Structures are given as structure tokens and as C-alpha cells.
Amino acid sequence: MRELLKDLKAWQRQGKKTAIARVVDVEGSGPRLPGAAMAVNEDGAVSGSVSGGCVEGAVVVEALEVIADGSRRMVTFGYSDDEAFAVGLTCGGTIHLFLETLDW
């Protein structure tokens, strides 16, 4: 989370709408542990990581939807999930993420 602070502060100063995705649970082998976070602003700029790259693109899409509609949501990517396999989550585990917008 600390590495995100510089970008989050800059986006706040710029008035950018921003969503944050956090790993809240991992089943089996996962690329990042619970607590890992990634922020996405309304322009699609990214800071941090929740998967070391293997599902980050799909998380950006989810984050932009959260920014657009103001919702909160849980998303799951796992080895048996066709989308996760397609984007490269082949570590054999499942990651659960919570996404929400930041209220400056």
C-alpha cells in the first residue's frame, strides 16, 4: 500500500476519480498475498499490483466499471475460471479481490 501513496496523493490533487482493488483472500497458490493493492484512476493509469501482471488487465476493466457506476464488488480469478486462464493466472490458485472507489 505504501508504494501507492505517491500516486494516490497526485491523483487526489488532480481530482481524478480512483478505484482501489485489494487482495482479500487467496486459495492455493497465488501471485500476491492478502493486502496487496492496485489503484486505477479514471484515465486507466495504474499503480501497484494484485497479481504480478497475470490478471491486471481484467482488474483494470473491473476498476473502471466501479469508477463509472460507484459500486463496490468482489471479483474472483482462479485457475478453473476461463477468463483467468485466458489472461494468464496459471499459478493454480484462486484470488479474491475487493474493489471500491476512493472517496477523497
N, C-alpha and C. Protein backbone atom coordinates (compact mmCIF):
# COMPACT_ATOMS: atom_id res chain seq x y z
N MET A 1 0.82 -1.19 0.00
CA MET A 1 0.00 0.00 0.00
C MET A 1 0.87 1.26 0.00
N ARG A 2 2.01 1.19 0.65
CA ARG A 2 2.85 2.40 0.75
C ARG A 2 3.30 2.91 -0.61
N GLU A 3 3.60 2.00 -1.54
CA GLU A 3 4.06 2.46 -2.85
C GLU A 3 2.96 3.17 -3.62
N LEU A 4 1.71 2.96 -3.23
CA LEU A 4 0.59 3.62 -3.89
C LEU A 4 0.41 5.07 -3.44
N LEU A 5 0.88 5.40 -2.27
CA LEU A 5 0.57 6.70 -1.68
C LEU A 5 0.97 7.89 -2.55
N LYS A 6 2.15 7.83 -3.17
CA LYS A 6 2.60 8.94 -4.00
C LYS A 6 1.61 9.17 -5.15
N ASP A 7 1.24 8.09 -5.85
CA ASP A 7 0.30 8.23 -6.96
C ASP A 7 -1.08 8.65 -6.47
N LEU A 8 -1.54 8.07 -5.37
CA LEU A 8 -2.86 8.43 -4.85
C LEU A 8 -2.93 9.90 -4.48
N LYS A 9 -1.87 10.40 -3.85
CA LYS A 9 -1.85 11.83 -3.49
C LYS A 9 -1.88 12.71 -4.73
N ALA A 10 -1.14 12.32 -5.76
CA ALA A 10 -1.13 13.10 -7.01
C ALA A 10 -2.50 13.07 -7.66
N TRP A 11 -3.12 11.89 -7.72
CA TRP A 11 -4.44 11.79 -8.34
C TRP A 11 -5.48 12.57 -7.55
N GLN A 12 -5.34 12.58 -6.24
CA GLN A 12 -6.27 13.36 -5.41
C GLN A 12 -6.13 14.84 -5.73
N ARG A 13 -4.89 15.34 -5.80
CA ARG A 13 -4.65 16.76 -6.13
C ARG A 13 -5.23 17.11 -7.50
N GLN A 14 -5.18 16.15 -8.43
CA GLN A 14 -5.67 16.37 -9.79
C GLN A 14 -7.19 16.16 -9.90
N GLY A 15 -7.80 15.70 -8.82
CA GLY A 15 -9.24 15.47 -8.82
C GLY A 15 -9.67 14.24 -9.62
N LYS A 16 -8.77 13.28 -9.77
CA LYS A 16 -9.06 12.07 -10.54
C LYS A 16 -9.91 11.11 -9.72
N LYS A 17 -10.98 10.61 -10.33
CA LYS A 17 -11.74 9.52 -9.71
C LYS A 17 -10.86 8.29 -9.73
N THR A 18 -10.87 7.55 -8.62
CA THR A 18 -9.95 6.43 -8.46
C THR A 18 -10.63 5.27 -7.77
N ALA A 19 -10.29 4.07 -8.21
CA ALA A 19 -10.74 2.85 -7.54
C ALA A 19 -9.52 2.10 -7.04
N ILE A 20 -9.74 1.35 -5.98
CA ILE A 20 -8.67 0.52 -5.44
C ILE A 20 -9.16 -0.92 -5.38
N ALA A 21 -8.27 -1.82 -5.76
CA ALA A 21 -8.53 -3.26 -5.70
C ALA A 21 -7.58 -3.85 -4.68
N ARG A 22 -8.13 -4.66 -3.76
CA ARG A 22 -7.29 -5.28 -2.73
C ARG A 22 -7.48 -6.79 -2.76
N VAL A 23 -6.38 -7.50 -2.62
CA VAL A 23 -6.47 -8.95 -2.46
C VAL A 23 -6.98 -9.19 -1.05
N VAL A 24 -8.12 -9.89 -0.93
CA VAL A 24 -8.69 -10.15 0.39
C VAL A 24 -8.57 -11.63 0.78
N ASP A 25 -8.32 -12.51 -0.19
CA ASP A 25 -8.16 -13.93 0.12
C ASP A 25 -7.46 -14.62 -1.04
N VAL A 26 -6.71 -15.64 -0.72
CA VAL A 26 -6.04 -16.48 -1.72
C VAL A 26 -6.29 -17.92 -1.34
N GLU A 27 -6.72 -18.69 -2.31
CA GLU A 27 -6.88 -20.13 -2.11
C GLU A 27 -5.81 -20.83 -2.93
N GLY A 28 -5.04 -21.71 -2.30
CA GLY A 28 -3.96 -22.38 -3.01
C GLY A 28 -2.82 -21.41 -3.27
N SER A 29 -2.16 -21.60 -4.39
CA SER A 29 -1.03 -20.77 -4.76
C SER A 29 -1.53 -19.50 -5.45
N GLY A 30 -1.02 -18.37 -5.00
CA GLY A 30 -1.44 -17.10 -5.59
C GLY A 30 -0.24 -16.20 -5.82
N PRO A 31 -0.36 -15.28 -6.77
CA PRO A 31 0.76 -14.41 -7.09
C PRO A 31 1.06 -13.34 -6.04
N ARG A 32 0.05 -12.91 -5.27
CA ARG A 32 0.21 -11.90 -4.23
C ARG A 32 -0.59 -12.32 -3.00
N LEU A 33 -0.14 -11.89 -1.86
CA LEU A 33 -0.80 -12.23 -0.60
C LEU A 33 -1.93 -11.24 -0.30
N PRO A 34 -2.86 -11.63 0.59
CA PRO A 34 -3.89 -10.68 1.01
C PRO A 34 -3.26 -9.38 1.50
N GLY A 35 -3.88 -8.29 1.13
CA GLY A 35 -3.34 -6.97 1.46
C GLY A 35 -2.71 -6.28 0.27
N ALA A 36 -2.30 -7.05 -0.74
CA ALA A 36 -1.74 -6.43 -1.94
C ALA A 36 -2.81 -5.54 -2.56
N ALA A 37 -2.40 -4.41 -3.11
CA ALA A 37 -3.37 -3.46 -3.63
C ALA A 37 -2.91 -2.86 -4.95
N MET A 38 -3.91 -2.46 -5.73
CA MET A 38 -3.67 -1.80 -7.00
C MET A 38 -4.70 -0.69 -7.14
N ALA A 39 -4.27 0.50 -7.53
CA ALA A 39 -5.18 1.62 -7.74
C ALA A 39 -5.25 1.91 -9.23
N VAL A 40 -6.43 2.32 -9.68
CA VAL A 40 -6.66 2.66 -11.08
C VAL A 40 -7.43 3.98 -11.09
N ASN A 41 -6.94 4.95 -11.88
CA ASN A 41 -7.72 6.19 -11.95
C ASN A 41 -8.60 6.18 -13.19
N GLU A 42 -9.44 7.20 -13.31
CA GLU A 42 -10.43 7.26 -14.38
C GLU A 42 -9.82 7.27 -15.77
N ASP A 43 -8.54 7.62 -15.88
CA ASP A 43 -7.85 7.62 -17.17
C ASP A 43 -7.23 6.27 -17.50
N GLY A 44 -7.33 5.32 -16.56
CA GLY A 44 -6.74 3.99 -16.76
C GLY A 44 -5.31 3.88 -16.27
N ALA A 45 -4.78 4.91 -15.63
CA ALA A 45 -3.44 4.83 -15.05
C ALA A 45 -3.48 3.88 -13.87
N VAL A 46 -2.42 3.10 -13.70
CA VAL A 46 -2.36 2.05 -12.69
C VAL A 46 -1.17 2.25 -11.77
N SER A 47 -1.39 1.95 -10.50
CA SER A 47 -0.31 1.96 -9.51
C SER A 47 -0.48 0.73 -8.64
N GLY A 48 0.61 0.03 -8.35
CA GLY A 48 0.56 -1.16 -7.52
C GLY A 48 0.25 -2.41 -8.34
N SER A 49 0.04 -3.52 -7.62
CA SER A 49 -0.17 -4.79 -8.29
C SER A 49 -0.94 -5.74 -7.38
N VAL A 50 -1.86 -6.49 -7.97
CA VAL A 50 -2.57 -7.51 -7.21
C VAL A 50 -2.25 -8.92 -7.70
N SER A 51 -1.52 -9.00 -8.83
CA SER A 51 -1.28 -10.33 -9.37
C SER A 51 0.06 -10.49 -10.06
N GLY A 52 0.92 -9.52 -9.97
CA GLY A 52 2.19 -9.64 -10.66
C GLY A 52 2.05 -9.59 -12.17
N GLY A 53 0.90 -9.13 -12.64
CA GLY A 53 0.70 -8.95 -14.07
C GLY A 53 -0.27 -9.90 -14.71
N CYS A 54 -0.54 -11.04 -14.09
CA CYS A 54 -1.31 -12.06 -14.80
C CYS A 54 -2.79 -11.76 -14.96
N VAL A 55 -3.42 -10.99 -14.09
CA VAL A 55 -4.82 -10.62 -14.30
C VAL A 55 -5.03 -9.11 -14.19
N GLU A 56 -3.96 -8.36 -14.21
CA GLU A 56 -4.06 -6.92 -14.01
C GLU A 56 -4.97 -6.25 -15.05
N GLY A 57 -4.91 -6.66 -16.30
CA GLY A 57 -5.76 -6.06 -17.33
C GLY A 57 -7.23 -6.23 -17.02
N ALA A 58 -7.61 -7.42 -16.57
CA ALA A 58 -9.00 -7.67 -16.21
C ALA A 58 -9.40 -6.86 -14.98
N VAL A 59 -8.48 -6.66 -14.06
CA VAL A 59 -8.76 -5.86 -12.86
C VAL A 59 -8.95 -4.39 -13.25
N VAL A 60 -8.19 -3.90 -14.21
CA VAL A 60 -8.36 -2.52 -14.68
C VAL A 60 -9.77 -2.34 -15.24
N VAL A 61 -10.24 -3.30 -16.02
CA VAL A 61 -11.59 -3.22 -16.58
C VAL A 61 -12.62 -3.16 -15.45
N GLU A 62 -12.47 -4.03 -14.45
CA GLU A 62 -13.39 -4.04 -13.31
C GLU A 62 -13.33 -2.70 -12.57
N ALA A 63 -12.12 -2.18 -12.36
CA ALA A 63 -11.95 -0.92 -11.62
C ALA A 63 -12.61 0.24 -12.37
N LEU A 64 -12.47 0.28 -13.68
CA LEU A 64 -13.09 1.35 -14.45
C LEU A 64 -14.61 1.27 -14.37
N GLU A 65 -15.16 0.06 -14.31
CA GLU A 65 -16.60 -0.09 -14.14
C GLU A 65 -17.04 0.40 -12.76
N VAL A 66 -16.24 0.10 -11.74
CA VAL A 66 -16.54 0.57 -10.38
C VAL A 66 -16.52 2.10 -10.34
N ILE A 67 -15.55 2.72 -11.00
CA ILE A 67 -15.49 4.18 -11.06
C ILE A 67 -16.73 4.72 -11.77
N ALA A 68 -17.12 4.08 -12.86
CA ALA A 68 -18.25 4.57 -13.66
C ALA A 68 -19.58 4.49 -12.92
N ASP A 69 -19.78 3.40 -12.16
CA ASP A 69 -21.10 3.24 -11.52
C ASP A 69 -21.09 3.42 -10.01
N GLY A 70 -19.91 3.67 -9.42
CA GLY A 70 -19.83 3.92 -7.99
C GLY A 70 -20.08 2.70 -7.12
N SER A 71 -20.05 1.53 -7.71
CA SER A 71 -20.33 0.31 -6.95
C SER A 71 -19.11 -0.19 -6.20
N ARG A 72 -19.34 -1.18 -5.39
CA ARG A 72 -18.29 -1.97 -4.74
C ARG A 72 -18.53 -3.40 -5.18
N ARG A 73 -17.46 -4.16 -5.31
CA ARG A 73 -17.67 -5.55 -5.72
C ARG A 73 -16.51 -6.45 -5.36
N MET A 74 -16.85 -7.70 -5.24
CA MET A 74 -15.86 -8.76 -5.08
C MET A 74 -15.70 -9.41 -6.45
N VAL A 75 -14.48 -9.68 -6.84
CA VAL A 75 -14.22 -10.44 -8.06
C VAL A 75 -13.25 -11.56 -7.72
N THR A 76 -13.36 -12.63 -8.44
CA THR A 76 -12.54 -13.81 -8.20
C THR A 76 -11.91 -14.26 -9.50
N PHE A 77 -10.63 -14.57 -9.44
CA PHE A 77 -9.93 -15.16 -10.57
C PHE A 77 -9.26 -16.43 -10.09
N GLY A 78 -9.50 -17.50 -10.81
CA GLY A 78 -8.91 -18.77 -10.41
C GLY A 78 -8.52 -19.61 -11.60
N TYR A 79 -7.77 -20.63 -11.32
CA TYR A 79 -7.25 -21.49 -12.38
C TYR A 79 -8.37 -22.09 -13.21
N SER A 80 -9.50 -22.43 -12.57
CA SER A 80 -10.59 -23.05 -13.31
C SER A 80 -11.45 -22.02 -14.03
N ASP A 81 -11.26 -20.76 -13.76
CA ASP A 81 -12.04 -19.70 -14.39
C ASP A 81 -11.47 -19.44 -15.79
N ASP A 82 -12.29 -19.60 -16.82
CA ASP A 82 -11.82 -19.46 -18.20
C ASP A 82 -11.15 -18.11 -18.45
N GLU A 83 -11.74 -17.03 -17.92
CA GLU A 83 -11.16 -15.71 -18.13
C GLU A 83 -9.79 -15.60 -17.46
N ALA A 84 -9.68 -16.13 -16.25
CA ALA A 84 -8.39 -16.06 -15.55
C ALA A 84 -7.33 -16.84 -16.33
N PHE A 85 -7.69 -18.00 -16.85
CA PHE A 85 -6.73 -18.77 -17.63
C PHE A 85 -6.34 -17.99 -18.88
N ALA A 86 -7.33 -17.37 -19.50
CA ALA A 86 -7.07 -16.61 -20.72
C ALA A 86 -6.11 -15.45 -20.48
N VAL A 87 -6.19 -14.83 -19.30
CA VAL A 87 -5.30 -13.71 -19.02
C VAL A 87 -4.03 -14.14 -18.30
N GLY A 88 -3.89 -15.44 -18.02
CA GLY A 88 -2.61 -15.94 -17.55
C GLY A 88 -2.49 -16.33 -16.10
N LEU A 89 -3.59 -16.48 -15.34
CA LEU A 89 -3.49 -16.90 -13.95
C LEU A 89 -3.35 -18.42 -13.92
N THR A 90 -2.14 -18.87 -14.16
CA THR A 90 -1.89 -20.31 -14.26
C THR A 90 -1.15 -20.84 -13.05
N CYS A 91 -1.14 -20.09 -11.96
CA CYS A 91 -0.41 -20.49 -10.76
C CYS A 91 -1.14 -21.59 -10.00
N GLY A 92 -2.36 -21.90 -10.40
CA GLY A 92 -3.08 -23.00 -9.77
C GLY A 92 -3.98 -22.58 -8.63
N GLY A 93 -3.96 -21.33 -8.23
CA GLY A 93 -4.77 -20.88 -7.11
C GLY A 93 -5.90 -19.98 -7.55
N THR A 94 -6.56 -19.43 -6.54
CA THR A 94 -7.66 -18.51 -6.76
C THR A 94 -7.43 -17.27 -5.91
N ILE A 95 -7.62 -16.10 -6.51
CA ILE A 95 -7.50 -14.86 -5.74
C ILE A 95 -8.86 -14.16 -5.72
N HIS A 96 -9.18 -13.59 -4.56
CA HIS A 96 -10.42 -12.85 -4.37
C HIS A 96 -10.04 -11.39 -4.12
N LEU A 97 -10.65 -10.49 -4.89
CA LEU A 97 -10.36 -9.07 -4.79
C LEU A 97 -11.61 -8.30 -4.41
N PHE A 98 -11.42 -7.25 -3.61
CA PHE A 98 -12.49 -6.32 -3.30
C PHE A 98 -12.14 -5.00 -3.96
N LEU A 99 -13.08 -4.46 -4.74
CA LEU A 99 -12.86 -3.19 -5.44
C LEU A 99 -13.87 -2.16 -4.95
N GLU A 100 -13.38 -0.93 -4.78
CA GLU A 100 -14.25 0.19 -4.41
C GLU A 100 -13.60 1.48 -4.85
N THR A 101 -14.42 2.52 -4.98
CA THR A 101 -13.88 3.83 -5.30
C THR A 101 -13.35 4.47 -4.02
N LEU A 102 -12.41 5.38 -4.21
CA LEU A 102 -11.90 6.14 -3.07
C LEU A 102 -12.70 7.43 -2.97
N ASP A 103 -13.12 7.75 -1.79
CA ASP A 103 -13.84 8.99 -1.55
C ASP A 103 -12.85 9.98 -0.96
N TRP A 104 -12.39 10.90 -1.80
CA TRP A 104 -11.39 11.85 -1.35
C TRP A 104 -11.95 12.71 -0.23
